[in-house]
Protein backbone atom coordinates (compact mmCIF):
# COMPACT_ATOMS: atom_id res chain seq x y z
CA UNK A 1 0.10 0.27 0.28
CA UNK A 2 1.54 3.48 -1.14
CA UNK A 3 0.56 6.93 0.59
CA UNK A 4 -0.32 9.24 -2.19
CA UNK A 5 -0.83 13.18 -1.68
CA UNK A 6 -2.79 14.58 -4.50
CA UNK A 7 -3.05 18.21 -5.18
CA UNK A 8 -5.62 19.77 -7.31
CA UNK A 9 -5.68 23.44 -8.71
CA UNK A 10 -8.35 25.88 -8.94
CA UNK A 11 -9.24 25.16 -12.64
CA UNK A 12 -9.46 21.28 -11.82
CA UNK A 13 -12.20 21.96 -9.04
CA UNK A 14 -13.58 25.33 -10.81
CA UNK A 15 -17.29 23.91 -10.90
CA UNK A 16 -19.44 21.21 -8.88
CA UNK A 17 -19.47 18.80 -12.13
CA UNK A 18 -15.25 19.45 -12.15
CA UNK A 19 -15.46 18.56 -8.33
CA UNK A 20 -17.63 15.50 -8.95
CA UNK A 21 -15.13 14.37 -11.35
CA UNK A 22 -12.31 14.86 -9.03
CA UNK A 23 -13.86 12.80 -6.32
CA UNK A 24 -14.43 10.09 -9.03
CA UNK A 25 -10.48 10.20 -9.48
CA UNK A 26 -9.99 10.15 -5.68
CA UNK A 27 -11.94 7.23 -5.21
CA UNK A 28 -9.78 5.24 -8.01
CA UNK A 29 -6.86 5.97 -6.42
CA UNK A 30 -8.32 4.58 -3.34
CA UNK A 31 -9.54 1.41 -4.66
CA UNK A 32 -6.40 0.69 -6.09
CA UNK A 33 -4.99 0.28 -2.47
CA UNK A 34 -3.49 3.51 -1.57
CA UNK A 35 -3.82 5.82 0.93
CA UNK A 36 -4.79 9.37 -0.02
CA UNK A 37 -4.75 12.83 1.19
CA UNK A 38 -6.07 15.41 -0.95
CA UNK A 39 -5.23 19.12 -1.04
CA UNK A 40 -7.24 21.56 -2.87
CA UNK A 41 -7.14 25.38 -3.94
CA UNK A 42 -10.13 27.59 -4.49
CA UNK A 43 -12.45 26.95 -7.25
CA UNK A 44 -11.24 29.25 -10.19
CA UNK A 45 -11.52 33.14 -10.02
CA UNK A 46 -12.72 32.67 -6.33
CA UNK A 47 -9.52 34.08 -4.71
CA UNK A 48 -9.85 37.13 -7.12
CA UNK A 49 -13.56 37.70 -6.19
CA UNK A 50 -12.26 37.59 -2.61
CA UNK A 51 -9.35 39.86 -3.04
CA UNK A 52 -11.61 42.34 -5.11
CA UNK A 53 -14.29 42.37 -2.01
CA UNK A 54 -11.43 43.56 0.36
CA UNK A 55 -10.03 46.22 -2.08
CA UNK A 56 -13.49 47.61 -2.46
CA UNK A 57 -13.54 48.44 1.28
CA UNK A 58 -9.76 49.29 1.39
CA UNK A 59 -7.02 49.23 -1.30
CA UNK A 60 -4.44 48.34 1.33
CA UNK A 61 -6.28 46.20 3.67
CA UNK A 62 -5.11 44.91 7.08
CA UNK A 63 -3.26 41.92 6.09
CA UNK A 64 -4.39 39.84 8.95
CA UNK A 65 -7.91 40.31 8.26
CA UNK A 66 -7.24 40.31 4.38
CA UNK A 67 -5.79 36.48 4.95
CA UNK A 68 -9.10 35.75 6.97
CA UNK A 69 -11.20 36.60 3.55
CA UNK A 70 -8.93 35.11 1.21
CA UNK A 71 -8.53 31.86 3.03
CA UNK A 72 -12.22 31.00 2.92
CA UNK A 73 -11.94 30.25 -0.81
CA UNK A 74 -10.31 26.80 -0.04
CA UNK A 75 -12.82 26.26 3.00
CA UNK A 76 -15.62 25.93 0.37
CA UNK A 77 -13.22 23.39 -1.65
CA UNK A 78 -12.73 20.98 0.92
CA UNK A 79 -16.23 20.78 2.04
CA UNK A 80 -18.09 20.38 -1.22
CA UNK A 81 -15.29 17.50 -2.05
CA UNK A 82 -15.89 15.77 1.11
CA UNK A 83 -19.87 15.92 0.44
CA UNK A 84 -19.30 14.32 -3.04
CA UNK A 85 -16.93 11.77 -1.33
CA UNK A 86 -19.25 10.84 1.31
CA UNK A 87 -22.03 10.54 -0.98
CA UNK A 88 -20.25 7.97 -3.37
CA UNK A 89 -20.06 6.00 -0.06
CA UNK A 90 -16.36 6.87 0.72
CA UNK A 91 -15.45 8.00 4.23
CA UNK A 92 -13.86 11.56 4.09
CA UNK A 93 -12.82 14.39 6.54
CA UNK A 94 -12.00 17.97 5.48
CA UNK A 95 -9.48 20.11 7.41
CA UNK A 96 -8.54 23.54 7.32
CA UNK A 97 -4.99 24.94 7.60
CA UNK A 98 -5.34 25.74 11.11
CA UNK A 99 -7.43 22.28 12.10
CA UNK A 100 -4.74 20.14 10.69
CA UNK A 101 -2.12 22.88 12.12
CA UNK A 102 -0.09 23.67 9.31
CA UNK A 103 2.21 26.29 11.34
CA UNK A 104 3.74 28.98 9.74
CA UNK A 105 5.30 32.32 10.50
CA UNK A 106 3.40 35.52 11.05
CA UNK A 107 4.17 36.84 7.78
CA UNK A 108 0.58 37.49 6.34
CA UNK A 109 0.06 36.94 2.51
CA UNK A 110 3.39 35.37 2.20
CA UNK A 111 3.98 33.08 5.11
CA UNK A 112 6.52 30.34 5.22
CA UNK A 113 5.26 26.83 6.49
CA UNK A 114 7.37 26.08 10.12
CA UNK A 115 5.84 22.62 11.00
CA UNK A 116 3.21 20.38 10.46
CA UNK A 117 1.24 18.18 12.99
CA UNK A 118 0.19 15.15 10.93
CA UNK A 119 -1.39 13.20 14.06
CA UNK A 120 -4.99 13.69 12.80
CA UNK A 121 -4.14 12.95 9.30
CA UNK A 122 -2.46 9.58 10.16
CA UNK A 123 -5.42 8.93 12.69
CA UNK A 124 -8.00 9.03 9.77
CA UNK A 125 -5.94 7.34 7.11
CA UNK A 126 -5.84 4.47 9.67
CA UNK A 127 -9.26 4.33 9.98
CA UNK A 128 -9.97 4.35 6.14
CA UNK A 129 -10.69 7.75 5.65
CA UNK A 130 -9.87 10.19 2.87
CA UNK A 131 -8.25 13.30 4.08
CA UNK A 132 -9.08 16.64 2.39
CA UNK A 133 -6.90 19.52 3.33
CA UNK A 134 -7.29 23.31 2.61
CA UNK A 135 -4.22 24.43 0.67
CA UNK A 136 -2.61 27.96 0.51
CA UNK A 137 -3.30 28.71 4.43
CA UNK A 138 -2.14 27.47 7.74
CA UNK A 139 -2.02 29.29 11.31
CA UNK A 140 0.70 31.28 13.30
CA UNK A 141 1.66 30.75 16.92
CA UNK A 142 -0.76 33.38 17.83
CA UNK A 143 -3.57 31.42 16.29
CA UNK A 144 -4.28 33.88 13.19
CA UNK A 145 -5.20 32.39 9.95
CA UNK A 146 -2.37 32.99 7.40
CA UNK A 147 -1.75 32.35 3.49
CA UNK A 148 1.39 31.20 1.84
CA UNK A 149 1.18 33.54 -1.31
CA UNK A 150 -0.31 32.92 -4.87
CA UNK A 151 -0.08 29.36 -6.07
CA UNK A 152 0.77 28.01 -2.23
CA UNK A 153 -1.38 25.41 -2.41
CA UNK A 154 1.08 23.43 -4.25
CA UNK A 155 3.43 24.20 -1.53
CA UNK A 156 1.04 22.86 1.09
CA UNK A 157 0.52 19.72 -0.99
CA UNK A 158 4.67 19.11 -0.92
CA UNK A 159 4.58 19.93 2.44
CA UNK A 160 2.13 17.63 3.56
CA UNK A 161 3.79 14.66 1.49
CA UNK A 162 7.02 15.71 3.31
CA UNK A 163 5.36 15.42 6.55
CA UNK A 164 3.96 12.01 6.08
CA UNK A 165 6.41 10.89 4.19
CA UNK A 166 4.36 10.08 0.99
CA UNK A 167 5.51 7.73 -1.63
CA UNK A 168 4.18 10.40 -4.32
CA UNK A 169 2.88 13.83 -4.44
CA UNK A 170 0.65 14.41 -7.72
CA UNK A 171 0.16 17.56 -8.79
CA UNK A 172 -3.04 17.57 -10.93
CA UNK A 173 -3.47 20.53 -13.01
CA UNK A 174 -4.64 21.73 -16.76
CA UNK A 175 -1.81 20.33 -18.55
CA UNK A 176 -0.36 16.65 -18.86
CA UNK A 177 3.00 17.37 -17.86
CA UNK A 178 5.97 19.35 -18.11
CA UNK A 179 6.98 20.00 -21.91
CA UNK A 180 10.37 20.55 -23.65
CA UNK A 181 8.68 24.45 -24.15
CA UNK A 182 5.23 25.84 -24.17
CA UNK A 183 3.47 23.74 -27.10
CA UNK A 184 1.35 27.16 -27.87
CA UNK A 185 4.55 28.42 -29.41
CA UNK A 186 6.16 25.17 -30.37
CA UNK A 187 3.30 22.64 -31.45
CA UNK A 188 6.29 20.00 -31.85
CA UNK A 189 7.15 20.18 -28.16
CA UNK A 190 7.52 16.91 -26.41
CA UNK A 191 5.88 15.80 -22.80
CA UNK A 192 9.12 14.96 -20.57
CA UNK A 193 8.81 11.47 -18.65
CA UNK A 194 10.95 12.91 -16.01
CA UNK A 195 12.96 15.85 -15.03
CA UNK A 196 15.38 16.60 -12.11
CA UNK A 197 14.72 19.07 -9.25
CA UNK A 198 17.42 21.34 -10.44
CA UNK A 199 16.06 21.29 -13.90
CA UNK A 200 12.36 22.06 -12.93
CA UNK A 201 13.70 24.93 -10.26
CA UNK A 202 15.56 26.28 -13.23
CA UNK A 203 12.72 26.32 -15.70
CA UNK A 204 10.30 27.62 -12.82
CA UNK A 205 12.48 30.57 -12.05
CA UNK A 206 12.73 31.41 -15.80
CA UNK A 207 9.41 31.37 -16.93
CA UNK A 208 7.88 28.13 -16.71
CA UNK A 209 4.27 28.36 -15.10
CA UNK A 210 3.76 24.41 -14.45
CA UNK A 211 4.77 24.27 -10.73
CA UNK A 212 5.25 27.00 -8.26
CA UNK A 213 9.15 27.22 -7.68
CA UNK A 214 8.59 27.25 -4.02
CA UNK A 215 6.67 23.79 -3.75
CA UNK A 216 9.63 22.62 -6.18
CA UNK A 217 12.18 23.82 -3.39
CA UNK A 218 10.59 22.19 -0.73
CA UNK A 219 10.11 18.98 -2.70
CA UNK A 220 13.84 18.84 -3.49
CA UNK A 221 15.15 19.57 -0.01
CA UNK A 222 12.81 17.05 1.55
CA UNK A 223 13.03 14.48 -1.37
CA UNK A 224 9.19 14.44 -2.08
CA UNK A 225 8.97 12.93 -5.30
CA UNK A 226 6.59 15.03 -7.58
CA UNK A 227 4.90 14.14 -10.50
CA UNK A 228 2.68 16.51 -12.91
CA UNK A 229 -0.69 14.85 -13.97
CA UNK A 230 -3.82 16.32 -15.93
CA UNK A 231 -6.82 16.61 -14.10
CA UNK A 232 -9.24 15.02 -16.67
CA UNK A 233 -6.77 13.29 -18.82
CA UNK A 234 -5.22 9.53 -18.07
CA UNK A 235 -1.41 9.61 -18.77
CA UNK A 236 1.87 9.23 -16.79
CA UNK A 237 2.59 12.99 -16.49
CA UNK A 238 6.02 14.04 -15.76
CA UNK A 239 8.01 12.66 -12.59
CA UNK A 240 10.32 15.27 -11.09
CA UNK A 241 13.24 13.62 -9.16
CA UNK A 242 16.71 13.36 -8.44
CA UNK A 243 19.64 12.77 -11.06
CA UNK A 244 20.22 9.33 -10.67
CA UNK A 245 22.72 7.50 -12.02
CA UNK A 246 20.55 5.01 -13.49
CA UNK A 247 19.07 7.46 -16.18
CA UNK A 248 22.20 9.29 -16.99
CA UNK A 249 22.89 7.35 -20.16
CA UNK A 250 19.27 8.29 -21.62
CA UNK A 251 18.86 11.91 -20.35
CA UNK A 252 18.94 14.54 -23.04
CA UNK A 253 21.43 17.43 -22.78
CA UNK A 254 18.81 19.72 -23.02
CA UNK A 255 15.88 19.19 -21.28
CA UNK A 256 13.93 22.49 -22.16
CA UNK A 257 13.55 25.78 -23.46
CA UNK A 258 12.24 28.62 -21.08
CA UNK A 259 11.10 32.04 -21.77
CA UNK A 260 10.20 34.99 -19.67
CA UNK A 261 8.35 38.32 -21.06
CA UNK A 262 8.37 40.03 -17.51
CA UNK A 263 11.75 41.66 -18.26
CA UNK A 264 13.22 45.13 -18.18
CA UNK A 265 16.60 46.31 -18.64
CA UNK A 266 18.30 49.32 -16.84
CA UNK A 267 22.18 50.72 -17.90
CA UNK A 268 23.91 53.51 -16.12
CA UNK A 269 26.99 54.52 -18.13
CA UNK A 270 30.32 55.97 -17.14
CA UNK A 271 30.50 55.62 -13.73
CA UNK A 272 33.88 55.32 -12.03
CA UNK A 273 35.48 51.91 -12.20
CA UNK A 274 36.44 51.50 -8.40
CA UNK A 275 35.92 49.27 -5.55
CA UNK A 276 32.28 49.42 -4.46
CA UNK A 277 30.64 50.87 -7.40
CA UNK A 278 28.71 48.12 -7.92
CA UNK A 279 27.37 48.15 -4.50
CA UNK A 280 26.75 51.93 -4.85
CA UNK A 281 24.52 51.41 -7.81
CA UNK A 282 22.56 48.25 -6.54
CA UNK A 283 22.20 48.95 -2.93
CA UNK A 284 19.33 51.79 -3.27
CA UNK A 285 17.47 49.29 -5.92
CA UNK A 286 17.73 46.73 -3.25
CA UNK A 287 16.54 49.03 -0.37
CA UNK A 288 13.64 49.87 -2.67
CA UNK A 289 12.60 45.92 -2.56
CA UNK A 290 13.28 45.57 -6.08
CA UNK A 291 15.02 42.33 -7.12
CA UNK A 292 17.72 42.36 -10.01
CA UNK A 293 18.67 39.19 -12.06
CA UNK A 294 21.40 39.71 -15.00
CA UNK A 295 24.11 42.02 -14.31
CA UNK A 296 27.02 42.95 -16.96
CA UNK A 297 29.83 45.43 -16.23
CA UNK A 298 31.94 46.80 -19.15
CA UNK A 299 35.02 48.41 -18.52
CA UNK A 300 36.33 51.20 -20.67
CA UNK A 301 39.74 52.62 -21.50
CA UNK A 302 38.98 55.75 -19.90
CA UNK A 303 38.68 54.45 -16.59
CA UNK A 304 34.87 54.55 -16.51
CA UNK A 305 32.46 51.29 -16.59
CA UNK A 306 29.03 50.89 -18.20
CA UNK A 307 26.85 48.86 -15.50
CA UNK A 308 23.48 47.23 -16.76
CA UNK A 309 21.06 44.85 -15.10
CA UNK A 310 17.81 43.60 -15.43
CA UNK A 311 14.40 43.85 -13.20
CA UNK A 312 10.71 42.47 -13.44
CA UNK A 313 9.15 44.60 -15.89
CA UNK A 314 6.63 45.71 -13.15
CA UNK A 315 9.32 47.32 -11.35
CA UNK A 316 10.75 48.95 -14.33
CA UNK A 317 9.52 52.53 -13.69
CA UNK A 318 10.51 52.43 -10.09
CA UNK A 319 13.78 51.34 -10.79
CA UNK A 320 14.50 53.76 -13.36
CA UNK A 321 13.60 56.76 -10.98
CA UNK A 322 16.02 55.08 -8.20
CA UNK A 323 18.97 54.75 -10.93
CA UNK A 324 18.47 58.17 -11.90
CA UNK A 325 18.98 59.66 -8.54
CA UNK A 326 21.89 57.42 -7.75
CA UNK A 327 23.16 58.34 -11.46
CA UNK A 328 23.20 61.85 -10.21
CA UNK A 329 24.84 61.37 -7.11
CA UNK A 330 27.85 59.36 -8.97
CA UNK A 331 27.88 61.80 -11.85
CA UNK A 332 27.26 59.17 -14.31
CA UNK A 333 27.23 59.99 -18.00
CA UNK A 334 23.86 58.78 -18.66
CA UNK A 335 20.67 56.55 -17.89
CA UNK A 336 18.92 54.38 -20.18
CA UNK A 337 16.38 51.70 -20.16
CA UNK A 338 14.59 49.28 -22.28
CA UNK A 339 11.23 47.28 -21.09
CA UNK A 340 10.76 45.64 -24.58
CA UNK A 341 13.04 42.68 -23.89
CA UNK A 342 12.66 38.83 -23.26
CA UNK A 343 15.16 36.21 -21.56
CA UNK A 344 14.89 33.17 -23.40
CA UNK A 345 16.84 29.83 -21.62
CA UNK A 346 18.26 26.65 -22.35
CA UNK A 347 18.23 24.35 -19.30
CA UNK A 348 19.61 20.69 -19.04
CA UNK A 349 21.66 18.81 -16.29
CA UNK A 350 23.70 17.27 -19.31
CA UNK A 351 25.31 20.63 -19.83
CA UNK A 352 27.71 19.59 -17.07
CA UNK A 353 29.47 17.05 -19.26
CA UNK A 354 28.90 18.38 -22.85
CA UNK A 355 30.84 20.86 -24.43
CA UNK A 356 29.36 23.24 -27.43
CA UNK A 357 26.05 24.18 -25.69
CA UNK A 358 26.65 27.85 -26.00
CA UNK A 359 28.10 27.93 -29.44
CA UNK A 360 25.00 25.79 -30.55
CA UNK A 361 22.65 28.13 -29.08
CA UNK A 362 24.39 31.38 -30.18
CA UNK A 363 24.52 29.81 -33.89
CA UNK A 364 20.86 28.93 -33.96
CA UNK A 365 20.21 32.60 -32.85
CA UNK A 366 22.52 33.99 -35.43
CA UNK A 367 21.12 32.16 -38.29
CA UNK A 368 17.80 33.81 -37.34
CA UNK A 369 19.75 37.22 -37.26
CA UNK A 370 18.50 37.42 -33.73
CA UNK A 371 20.96 39.99 -31.88
CA UNK A 372 21.96 38.82 -28.12
CA UNK A 373 21.67 41.64 -25.52
CA UNK A 374 22.89 39.83 -22.42
CA UNK A 375 24.08 36.59 -21.47
CA UNK A 376 23.92 34.80 -18.35
CA UNK A 377 25.07 31.49 -17.24
CA UNK A 378 25.08 28.73 -14.21
CA UNK A 379 25.94 25.02 -14.38
CA UNK A 380 22.91 23.73 -16.18
CA UNK A 381 21.53 27.10 -17.92
CA UNK A 382 22.19 29.58 -20.47
CA UNK A 383 20.11 32.50 -20.48
CA UNK A 384 20.37 35.74 -23.41
CA UNK A 385 18.18 38.68 -23.59
CA UNK A 386 16.74 39.37 -26.72
CA UNK A 387 14.28 41.88 -28.17
CA UNK A 388 10.93 41.02 -27.36
CA UNK A 389 9.81 40.83 -31.17
CA UNK A 390 12.03 37.98 -31.53
CA UNK A 391 11.03 35.76 -28.47
CA UNK A 392 8.66 32.96 -30.39
CA UNK A 393 11.31 33.00 -33.09
CA UNK A 394 14.29 32.47 -30.68
CA UNK A 395 12.62 29.78 -28.85
CA UNK A 396 11.57 27.75 -31.98
CA UNK A 397 15.06 28.05 -33.28
CA UNK A 398 16.59 26.81 -30.26
CA UNK A 399 14.09 23.92 -30.17
CA UNK A 400 15.21 22.88 -33.40
CA UNK A 401 18.95 23.34 -32.71
CA UNK A 402 18.91 20.93 -29.84
CA UNK A 403 16.20 18.30 -31.40
CA UNK A 404 13.70 18.60 -28.85
CA UNK A 405 10.51 17.68 -30.79
CA UNK A 406 8.17 14.89 -30.69
CA UNK A 407 9.60 11.58 -32.16
CA UNK A 408 7.45 10.93 -35.39
CA UNK A 409 4.65 8.66 -34.67
CA UNK A 410 4.49 5.10 -37.06
């Protein structure tokens, strides 16, 4: 007998009919001889509706009371799902985050899980019940309801799987697995049978929307096997696990092509080339709570340097103003920016043991006359910044260059 944790997102439980279908799927897993714990999100659109209600009263609501309101979405779902299971003759019990005692810190709207008391869940499983837990929420040491941030139900599912030492955590969503890239851009994109935690973390951080990055980090830390599956289609999905020796022979060099439209670039030109200049430029950016991604520094023969970095596009205007103020203090020649760029990345653990990945990538882009504006590398990824208008062309070119397409059917 295996212990399976299943997580269903908002689109999977978006209507009563869909909740009925999820109940049937859960019972099938139970009837196959497994113990089952289920984590659910609010019905699709419900969290946005609740947020809008708070904003109508106060555009900046008190964070504690805001959490009290938006945590109710998942409470509705767990109750409805348990009603559907019980009607089918399957014993089930629902729990809110506070009832199962998912202990978090007190950072309302973006709390982090500290501990889970799984005793109630284990007792219910022992008595033959399916346990249904509200995702996205917990409780702090003062007994206040907290929420984990958007997409936090994935994290709840993985955290429960870790606490229960589950055999697998299955994430049900509206796609049937992790693909080599977005099939809407490259119809020949291929579903991956398996991918490593490292690769999935990179893909998630670089723009892939399949899994929330915190859940992948949690799974990797505690060794929880993750599987991404389609809520309403049968199939093996994609297993996310460790890079084990058993599969290295057959692993591709590159697993996927990721892209992120939410990029903007800022440059301060003609600042002194001296120790501490990077800190003087980026310090005020950090104090403004703006995250920096890629960084390039070019030193000229005149003893001055040009410093370029990227930020999230939503932070562009704010970052530009901060940088302009800093540039005046430093006596910089000019400040410029561009919020019409994108980041395109190739990811794969095979890069560790194969040379020539960068040259293949750059050659493929050059053939399409795509100019590279910035480059960033790590052990298992290469990212480039290009003009936004070339994004889809770049993704398709790289997908072809690394032969990631589906195998033809016979």
